[in-house]
């Protein structure tokens, strides 16, 4: 009877991992898929480091910041002392 049960493993993996990832993408949040549903239900923004997706989240954050700066007319140059020191 294990043959019938084994057919549900792909569905269980999708529901456990895939559906929360799609939910995170739909609402525009980043983080681990384990906290996606609790964060939305409790209206919180807890973050749990997720090794496979953290580089992707960092890239998306930089990309959004660049797009927002360009839409605000920001040239990317700053007069702050740290920006001057960095060159």
PDB file of N, CA and C in Angstrom:
ATOM      1  N   UNK A   1       0.792  -1.194   0.000  1.00  0.00           N
ATOM      2  CA  UNK A   1       0.000   0.000   0.000  1.00  0.00           C
ATOM      3  C   UNK A   1       0.843   1.271   0.000  1.00  0.00           C
ATOM      4  N   UNK A   2       2.153   1.149   0.098  1.00  0.00           N
ATOM      5  CA  UNK A   2       2.993   2.343   0.108  1.00  0.00           C
ATOM      6  C   UNK A   2       3.034   3.010  -1.262  1.00  0.00           C
ATOM      7  N   UNK A   3       2.700   2.278  -2.316  1.00  0.00           N
ATOM      8  CA  UNK A   3       2.719   2.858  -3.652  1.00  0.00           C
ATOM      9  C   UNK A   3       1.704   3.998  -3.763  1.00  0.00           C
ATOM     10  N   UNK A   4       0.534   3.847  -3.191  1.00  0.00           N
ATOM     11  CA  UNK A   4      -0.494   4.882  -3.245  1.00  0.00           C
ATOM     12  C   UNK A   4      -0.119   6.113  -2.436  1.00  0.00           C
ATOM     13  N   UNK A   5       0.544   5.908  -1.314  1.00  0.00           N
ATOM     14  CA  UNK A   5       0.950   7.023  -0.469  1.00  0.00           C
ATOM     15  C   UNK A   5       2.079   7.800  -1.138  1.00  0.00           C
ATOM     16  N   UNK A   6       2.984   7.122  -1.802  1.00  0.00           N
ATOM     17  CA  UNK A   6       4.137   7.775  -2.428  1.00  0.00           C
ATOM     18  C   UNK A   6       3.715   8.724  -3.541  1.00  0.00           C
ATOM     19  N   UNK A   7       2.555   8.546  -4.099  1.00  0.00           N
ATOM     20  CA  UNK A   7       2.090   9.431  -5.156  1.00  0.00           C
ATOM     21  C   UNK A   7       1.726  10.812  -4.631  1.00  0.00           C
ATOM     22  N   UNK A   8       1.489  10.948  -3.341  1.00  0.00           N
ATOM     23  CA  UNK A   8       1.111  12.235  -2.765  1.00  0.00           C
ATOM     24  C   UNK A   8       2.310  13.065  -2.313  1.00  0.00           C
ATOM     25  N   UNK A   9       3.529  12.498  -2.319  1.00  0.00           N
ATOM     26  CA  UNK A   9       4.704  13.242  -1.875  1.00  0.00           C
ATOM     27  C   UNK A   9       4.963  14.496  -2.710  1.00  0.00           C
ATOM     28  N   UNK A  10       4.906  14.443  -4.043  1.00  0.00           N
ATOM     29  CA  UNK A  10       5.122  15.685  -4.806  1.00  0.00           C
ATOM     30  C   UNK A  10       4.083  16.763  -4.490  1.00  0.00           C
ATOM     31  N   UNK A  11       2.858  16.359  -4.272  1.00  0.00           N
ATOM     32  CA  UNK A  11       1.812  17.319  -3.937  1.00  0.00           C
ATOM     33  C   UNK A  11       2.087  17.923  -2.559  1.00  0.00           C
ATOM     34  N   UNK A  12       2.513  17.101  -1.618  1.00  0.00           N
ATOM     35  CA  UNK A  12       2.808  17.588  -0.272  1.00  0.00           C
ATOM     36  C   UNK A  12       3.992  18.549  -0.287  1.00  0.00           C
ATOM     37  N   UNK A  13       4.997  18.269  -1.100  1.00  0.00           N
ATOM     38  CA  UNK A  13       6.146  19.161  -1.199  1.00  0.00           C
ATOM     39  C   UNK A  13       5.724  20.497  -1.802  1.00  0.00           C
ATOM     40  N   UNK A  14       4.902  20.470  -2.824  1.00  0.00           N
ATOM     41  CA  UNK A  14       4.438  21.717  -3.428  1.00  0.00           C
ATOM     42  C   UNK A  14       3.614  22.539  -2.443  1.00  0.00           C
ATOM     43  N   UNK A  15       2.718  21.895  -1.739  1.00  0.00           N
ATOM     44  CA  UNK A  15       1.852  22.624  -0.807  1.00  0.00           C
ATOM     45  C   UNK A  15       2.671  23.186   0.348  1.00  0.00           C
ATOM     46  N   UNK A  16       3.673  22.453   0.813  1.00  0.00           N
ATOM     47  CA  UNK A  16       4.465  22.893   1.957  1.00  0.00           C
ATOM     48  C   UNK A  16       5.467  23.970   1.592  1.00  0.00           C
ATOM     49  N   UNK A  17       6.090  23.883   0.430  1.00  0.00           N
ATOM     50  CA  UNK A  17       7.159  24.808   0.048  1.00  0.00           C
ATOM     51  C   UNK A  17       6.727  25.730  -1.089  1.00  0.00           C
ATOM     52  N   UNK A  18       6.151  25.197  -2.116  1.00  0.00           N
ATOM     53  CA  UNK A  18       5.843  25.981  -3.310  1.00  0.00           C
ATOM     54  C   UNK A  18       4.750  27.013  -3.124  1.00  0.00           C
ATOM     55  N   UNK A  19       3.677  26.643  -2.473  1.00  0.00           N
ATOM     56  CA  UNK A  19       2.568  27.578  -2.290  1.00  0.00           C
ATOM     57  C   UNK A  19       2.967  28.798  -1.452  1.00  0.00           C
ATOM     58  N   UNK A  20       3.682  28.631  -0.325  1.00  0.00           N
ATOM     59  CA  UNK A  20       4.121  29.833   0.407  1.00  0.00           C
ATOM     60  C   UNK A  20       5.093  30.702  -0.386  1.00  0.00           C
ATOM     61  N   UNK A  21       5.927  30.112  -1.233  1.00  0.00           N
ATOM     62  CA  UNK A  21       6.831  30.911  -2.061  1.00  0.00           C
ATOM     63  C   UNK A  21       6.048  31.743  -3.069  1.00  0.00           C
ATOM     64  N   UNK A  22       5.029  31.165  -3.654  1.00  0.00           N
ATOM     65  CA  UNK A  22       4.173  31.917  -4.579  1.00  0.00           C
ATOM     66  C   UNK A  22       3.438  33.016  -3.816  1.00  0.00           C
ATOM     67  N   UNK A  23       3.004  32.716  -2.607  1.00  0.00           N
ATOM     68  CA  UNK A  23       2.332  33.711  -1.777  1.00  0.00           C
ATOM     69  C   UNK A  23       3.264  34.871  -1.432  1.00  0.00           C
ATOM     70  N   UNK A  24       4.525  34.575  -1.073  1.00  0.00           N
ATOM     71  CA  UNK A  24       5.503  35.622  -0.788  1.00  0.00           C
ATOM     72  C   UNK A  24       5.743  36.496  -2.012  1.00  0.00           C
ATOM     73  N   UNK A  25       5.854  35.873  -3.164  1.00  0.00           N
ATOM     74  CA  UNK A  25       6.083  36.635  -4.386  1.00  0.00           C
ATOM     75  C   UNK A  25       4.879  37.517  -4.717  1.00  0.00           C
ATOM     76  N   UNK A  26       3.695  37.016  -4.467  1.00  0.00           N
ATOM     77  CA  UNK A  26       2.492  37.782  -4.786  1.00  0.00           C
ATOM     78  C   UNK A  26       2.362  39.040  -3.929  1.00  0.00           C
ATOM     79  N   UNK A  27       2.768  38.960  -2.673  1.00  0.00           N
ATOM     80  CA  UNK A  27       2.649  40.127  -1.796  1.00  0.00           C
ATOM     81  C   UNK A  27       3.924  40.955  -1.769  1.00  0.00           C
ATOM     82  N   UNK A  28       4.985  40.481  -2.426  1.00  0.00           N
ATOM     83  CA  UNK A  28       6.221  41.257  -2.541  1.00  0.00           C
ATOM     84  C   UNK A  28       7.091  41.237  -1.308  1.00  0.00           C
ATOM     85  N   UNK A  29       7.009  40.193  -0.511  1.00  0.00           N
ATOM     86  CA  UNK A  29       7.849  40.078   0.672  1.00  0.00           C
ATOM     87  C   UNK A  29       8.989  39.108   0.387  1.00  0.00           C
ATOM     88  N   UNK A  30      10.017  39.202   1.228  1.00  0.00           N
ATOM     89  CA  UNK A  30      11.110  38.245   1.115  1.00  0.00           C
ATOM     90  C   UNK A  30      11.213  37.476   2.417  1.00  0.00           C
ATOM     91  N   UNK A  31      12.064  36.472   2.422  1.00  0.00           N
ATOM     92  CA  UNK A  31      12.266  35.683   3.628  1.00  0.00           C
ATOM     93  C   UNK A  31      11.998  34.218   3.382  1.00  0.00           C
ATOM     94  N   UNK A  32      11.947  33.491   4.457  1.00  0.00           N
ATOM     95  CA  UNK A  32      11.791  32.046   4.394  1.00  0.00           C
ATOM     96  C   UNK A  32      10.322  31.679   4.220  1.00  0.00           C
ATOM     97  N   UNK A  33      10.096  30.634   3.473  1.00  0.00           N
ATOM     98  CA  UNK A  33       8.725  30.227   3.181  1.00  0.00           C
ATOM     99  C   UNK A  33       8.023  29.676   4.413  1.00  0.00           C
ATOM    100  N   UNK A  34       8.776  29.298   5.443  1.00  0.00           N
ATOM    101  CA  UNK A  34       8.147  28.760   6.646  1.00  0.00           C
ATOM    102  C   UNK A  34       7.337  29.813   7.399  1.00  0.00           C
ATOM    103  N   UNK A  35       7.721  31.080   7.262  1.00  0.00           N
ATOM    104  CA  UNK A  35       7.014  32.156   7.971  1.00  0.00           C
ATOM    105  C   UNK A  35       6.026  32.908   7.097  1.00  0.00           C
ATOM    106  N   UNK A  36       5.837  32.500   5.878  1.00  0.00           N
ATOM    107  CA  UNK A  36       4.983  33.252   4.959  1.00  0.00           C
ATOM    108  C   UNK A  36       3.541  33.318   5.448  1.00  0.00           C
ATOM    109  N   UNK A  37       2.949  32.203   5.723  1.00  0.00           N
ATOM    110  CA  UNK A  37       1.545  32.178   6.136  1.00  0.00           C
ATOM    111  C   UNK A  37       1.371  32.785   7.528  1.00  0.00           C
ATOM    112  N   UNK A  38       2.188  32.416   8.537  1.00  0.00           N
ATOM    113  CA  UNK A  38       2.008  33.063   9.849  1.00  0.00           C
ATOM    114  C   UNK A  38       2.192  34.579   9.804  1.00  0.00           C
ATOM    115  N   UNK A  39       3.148  35.069   9.013  1.00  0.00           N
ATOM    116  CA  UNK A  39       3.344  36.515   8.912  1.00  0.00           C
ATOM    117  C   UNK A  39       2.135  37.207   8.312  1.00  0.00           C
ATOM    118  N   UNK A  40       1.533  36.606   7.303  1.00  0.00           N
ATOM    119  CA  UNK A  40       0.354  37.226   6.683  1.00  0.00           C
ATOM    120  C   UNK A  40      -0.869  37.153   7.587  1.00  0.00           C
ATOM    121  N   UNK A  41      -1.037  36.045   8.282  1.00  0.00           N
ATOM    122  CA  UNK A  41      -2.191  35.897   9.163  1.00  0.00           C
ATOM    123  C   UNK A  41      -2.079  36.843  10.359  1.00  0.00           C
ATOM    124  N   UNK A  42      -0.874  36.941  10.936  1.00  0.00           N
ATOM    125  CA  UNK A  42      -0.676  37.770  12.126  1.00  0.00           C
ATOM    126  C   UNK A  42      -0.285  39.204  11.796  1.00  0.00           C
ATOM    127  N   UNK A  43      -0.181  39.516  10.498  1.00  0.00           N
ATOM    128  CA  UNK A  43       0.213  40.851  10.034  1.00  0.00           C
ATOM    129  C   UNK A  43       1.528  41.298  10.648  1.00  0.00           C
ATOM    130  N   UNK A  44       2.504  40.409  10.585  1.00  0.00           N
ATOM    131  CA  UNK A  44       3.840  40.697  11.100  1.00  0.00           C
ATOM    132  C   UNK A  44       4.824  40.644   9.947  1.00  0.00           C
ATOM    133  N   UNK A  45       6.043  41.021  10.220  1.00  0.00           N
ATOM    134  CA  UNK A  45       7.087  40.961   9.206  1.00  0.00           C
ATOM    135  C   UNK A  45       8.349  40.354   9.815  1.00  0.00           C
ATOM    136  N   UNK A  46       8.207  39.169  10.394  1.00  0.00           N
ATOM    137  CA  UNK A  46       9.358  38.472  10.958  1.00  0.00           C
ATOM    138  C   UNK A  46      10.215  37.949   9.819  1.00  0.00           C
ATOM    139  N   UNK A  47      11.535  37.960  10.024  1.00  0.00           N
ATOM    140  CA  UNK A  47      12.445  37.511   8.982  1.00  0.00           C
ATOM    141  C   UNK A  47      13.280  36.371   9.510  1.00  0.00           C
ATOM    142  N   UNK A  48      13.345  35.305   8.775  1.00  0.00           N
ATOM    143  CA  UNK A  48      14.165  34.159   9.107  1.00  0.00           C
ATOM    144  C   UNK A  48      15.131  33.947   7.950  1.00  0.00           C
ATOM    145  N   UNK A  49      16.426  33.933   8.250  1.00  0.00           N
ATOM    146  CA  UNK A  49      17.446  33.783   7.209  1.00  0.00           C
ATOM    147  C   UNK A  49      17.249  32.462   6.485  1.00  0.00           C
ATOM    148  N   UNK A  50      17.203  32.531   5.178  1.00  0.00           N
ATOM    149  CA  UNK A  50      17.011  31.351   4.352  1.00  0.00           C
ATOM    150  C   UNK A  50      18.167  31.293   3.355  1.00  0.00           C
ATOM    151  N   UNK A  51      19.093  30.397   3.556  1.00  0.00           N
ATOM    152  CA  UNK A  51      20.332  30.364   2.782  1.00  0.00           C
ATOM    153  C   UNK A  51      20.125  30.292   1.268  1.00  0.00           C
ATOM    154  N   UNK A  52      19.249  29.450   0.742  1.00  0.00           N
ATOM    155  CA  UNK A  52      19.116  29.404  -0.717  1.00  0.00           C
ATOM    156  C   UNK A  52      18.534  30.678  -1.333  1.00  0.00           C
ATOM    157  N   UNK A  53      17.663  31.371  -0.604  1.00  0.00           N
ATOM    158  CA  UNK A  53      16.969  32.511  -1.200  1.00  0.00           C
ATOM    159  C   UNK A  53      17.496  33.869  -0.770  1.00  0.00           C
ATOM    160  N   UNK A  54      18.386  33.939   0.204  1.00  0.00           N
ATOM    161  CA  UNK A  54      18.902  35.228   0.669  1.00  0.00           C
ATOM    162  C   UNK A  54      19.657  35.996  -0.410  1.00  0.00           C
ATOM    163  N   UNK A  55      20.501  35.362  -1.245  1.00  0.00           N
ATOM    164  CA  UNK A  55      21.139  36.128  -2.324  1.00  0.00           C
ATOM    165  C   UNK A  55      20.122  36.695  -3.322  1.00  0.00           C
ATOM    166  N   UNK A  56      19.085  35.962  -3.602  1.00  0.00           N
ATOM    167  CA  UNK A  56      18.044  36.443  -4.518  1.00  0.00           C
ATOM    168  C   UNK A  56      17.301  37.613  -3.887  1.00  0.00           C
ATOM    169  N   UNK A  57      16.990  37.499  -2.583  1.00  0.00           N
ATOM    170  CA  UNK A  57      16.311  38.594  -1.886  1.00  0.00           C
ATOM    171  C   UNK A  57      17.171  39.851  -1.862  1.00  0.00           C
ATOM    172  N   UNK A  58      18.491  39.701  -1.646  1.00  0.00           N
ATOM    173  CA  UNK A  58      19.391  40.859  -1.629  1.00  0.00           C
ATOM    174  C   UNK A  58      19.442  41.508  -3.007  1.00  0.00           C
ATOM    175  N   UNK A  59      19.497  40.703  -4.060  1.00  0.00           N
ATOM    176  CA  UNK A  59      19.513  41.248  -5.424  1.00  0.00           C
ATOM    177  C   UNK A  59      18.228  42.008  -5.709  1.00  0.00           C
ATOM    178  N   UNK A  60      17.082  41.442  -5.321  1.00  0.00           N
ATOM    179  CA  UNK A  60      15.808  42.117  -5.542  1.00  0.00           C
ATOM    180  C   UNK A  60      15.739  43.427  -4.763  1.00  0.00           C
ATOM    181  N   UNK A  61      16.275  43.441  -3.534  1.00  0.00           N
ATOM    182  CA  UNK A  61      16.260  44.660  -2.735  1.00  0.00           C
ATOM    183  C   UNK A  61      17.098  45.754  -3.395  1.00  0.00           C
ATOM    184  N   UNK A  62      18.285  45.401  -3.887  1.00  0.00           N
ATOM    185  CA  UNK A  62      19.127  46.382  -4.585  1.00  0.00           C
ATOM    186  C   UNK A  62      18.455  46.870  -5.853  1.00  0.00           C
ATOM    187  N   UNK A  63      17.837  45.983  -6.581  1.00  0.00           N
ATOM    188  CA  UNK A  63      17.169  46.343  -7.841  1.00  0.00           C
ATOM    189  C   UNK A  63      16.001  47.291  -7.583  1.00  0.00           C
ATOM    190  N   UNK A  64      15.194  46.992  -6.541  1.00  0.00           N
ATOM    191  CA  UNK A  64      14.075  47.868  -6.201  1.00  0.00           C
ATOM    192  C   UNK A  64      14.569  49.246  -5.776  1.00  0.00           C
ATOM    193  N   UNK A  65      15.668  49.285  -5.012  1.00  0.00           N
ATOM    194  CA  UNK A  65      16.208  50.567  -4.561  1.00  0.00           C
ATOM    195  C   UNK A  65      16.694  51.386  -5.750  1.00  0.00           C
ATOM    196  N   UNK A  66      17.344  50.735  -6.711  1.00  0.00           N
ATOM    197  CA  UNK A  66      17.809  51.445  -7.899  1.00  0.00           C
ATOM    198  C   UNK A  66      16.640  51.952  -8.737  1.00  0.00           C
ATOM    199  N   UNK A  67      15.630  51.146  -8.893  1.00  0.00           N
ATOM    200  CA  UNK A  67      14.459  51.566  -9.665  1.00  0.00           C
ATOM    201  C   UNK A  67      13.725  52.710  -8.970  1.00  0.00           C
ATOM    202  N   UNK A  68      13.627  52.650  -7.661  1.00  0.00           N
ATOM    203  CA  UNK A  68      12.960  53.718  -6.923  1.00  0.00           C
ATOM    204  C   UNK A  68      13.772  55.008  -6.989  1.00  0.00           C
ATOM    205  N   UNK A  69      15.119  54.911  -6.883  1.00  0.00           N
ATOM    206  CA  UNK A  69      15.968  56.093  -6.984  1.00  0.00           C
ATOM    207  C   UNK A  69      15.863  56.736  -8.361  1.00  0.00           C
ATOM    208  N   UNK A  70      15.825  55.903  -9.402  1.00  0.00           N
ATOM    209  CA  UNK A  70      15.751  56.464 -10.756  1.00  0.00           C
ATOM    210  C   UNK A  70      14.390  57.096 -11.026  1.00  0.00           C
ATOM    211  N   UNK A  71      13.335  56.561 -10.428  1.00  0.00           N
ATOM    212  CA  UNK A  71      12.017  57.153 -10.634  1.00  0.00           C
ATOM    213  C   UNK A  71      11.849  58.438  -9.823  1.00  0.00           C
ATOM    214  N   UNK A  72      12.609  58.586  -8.738  1.00  0.00           N
ATOM    215  CA  UNK A  72      12.555  59.805  -7.929  1.00  0.00           C
ATOM    216  C   UNK A  72      13.446  60.898  -8.487  1.00  0.00           C
ATOM    217  N   UNK A  73      14.209  60.614  -9.524  1.00  0.00           N
ATOM    218  CA  UNK A  73      15.115  61.593 -10.096  1.00  0.00           C
ATOM    219  C   UNK A  73      16.443  61.666  -9.376  1.00  0.00           C
ATOM    220  N   UNK A  74      16.720  60.686  -8.549  1.00  0.00           N
ATOM    221  CA  UNK A  74      17.977  60.668  -7.812  1.00  0.00           C
ATOM    222  C   UNK A  74      19.089  60.213  -8.753  1.00  0.00           C
ATOM    223  N   UNK A  75      20.199  60.930  -8.758  1.00  0.00           N
ATOM    224  CA  UNK A  75      21.283  60.631  -9.698  1.00  0.00           C
ATOM    225  C   UNK A  75      22.231  59.577  -9.177  1.00  0.00           C
ATOM    226  N   UNK A  76      22.116  59.209  -7.906  1.00  0.00           N
ATOM    227  CA  UNK A  76      23.010  58.208  -7.358  1.00  0.00           C
ATOM    228  C   UNK A  76      24.217  58.814  -6.680  1.00  0.00           C
ATOM    229  N   UNK A  77      24.430  60.114  -6.820  1.00  0.00           N
ATOM    230  CA  UNK A  77      25.551  60.782  -6.178  1.00  0.00           C
ATOM    231  C   UNK A  77      25.049  61.450  -4.907  1.00  0.00           C
ATOM    232  N   UNK A  78      25.871  61.374  -3.887  1.00  0.00           N
ATOM    233  CA  UNK A  78      25.485  61.931  -2.604  1.00  0.00           C
ATOM    234  C   UNK A  78      26.595  62.818  -2.077  1.00  0.00           C
ATOM    235  N   UNK A  79      26.238  63.772  -1.273  1.00  0.00           N
ATOM    236  CA  UNK A  79      27.212  64.660  -0.659  1.00  0.00           C
ATOM    237  C   UNK A  79      27.558  64.239   0.755  1.00  0.00           C
ATOM    238  N   UNK A  80      27.143  63.050   1.162  1.00  0.00           N
ATOM    239  CA  UNK A  80      27.447  62.613   2.524  1.00  0.00           C
ATOM    240  C   UNK A  80      28.927  62.290   2.645  1.00  0.00           C
ATOM    241  N   UNK A  81      29.512  62.428   3.848  1.00  0.00           N
ATOM    242  CA  UNK A  81      30.949  62.176   4.021  1.00  0.00           C
ATOM    243  C   UNK A  81      31.355  60.759   3.665  1.00  0.00           C
ATOM    244  N   UNK A  82      30.497  59.765   3.926  1.00  0.00           N
ATOM    245  CA  UNK A  82      30.874  58.388   3.593  1.00  0.00           C
ATOM    246  C   UNK A  82      30.908  58.191   2.089  1.00  0.00           C
ATOM    247  N   UNK A  83      30.009  58.835   1.356  1.00  0.00           N
ATOM    248  CA  UNK A  83      30.015  58.711  -0.094  1.00  0.00           C
ATOM    249  C   UNK A  83      31.241  59.392  -0.692  1.00  0.00           C
ATOM    250  N   UNK A  84      31.657  60.502  -0.088  1.00  0.00           N
ATOM    251  CA  UNK A  84      32.846  61.202  -0.586  1.00  0.00           C
ATOM    252  C   UNK A  84      34.095  60.365  -0.347  1.00  0.00           C
ATOM    253  N   UNK A  85      34.157  59.715   0.822  1.00  0.00           N
ATOM    254  CA  UNK A  85      35.321  58.890   1.140  1.00  0.00           C
ATOM    255  C   UNK A  85      35.411  57.660   0.241  1.00  0.00           C
ATOM    256  N   UNK A  86      34.272  57.104  -0.122  1.00  0.00           N
ATOM    257  CA  UNK A  86      34.264  55.917  -0.973  1.00  0.00           C
ATOM    258  C   UNK A  86      34.663  56.265  -2.410  1.00  0.00           C
ATOM    259  N   UNK A  87      34.499  57.471  -2.771  1.00  0.00           N
ATOM    260  CA  UNK A  87      34.924  57.904  -4.109  1.00  0.00           C
ATOM    261  C   UNK A  87      33.824  57.830  -5.054  1.00  0.00           C
TER     262      UNK A  87
END
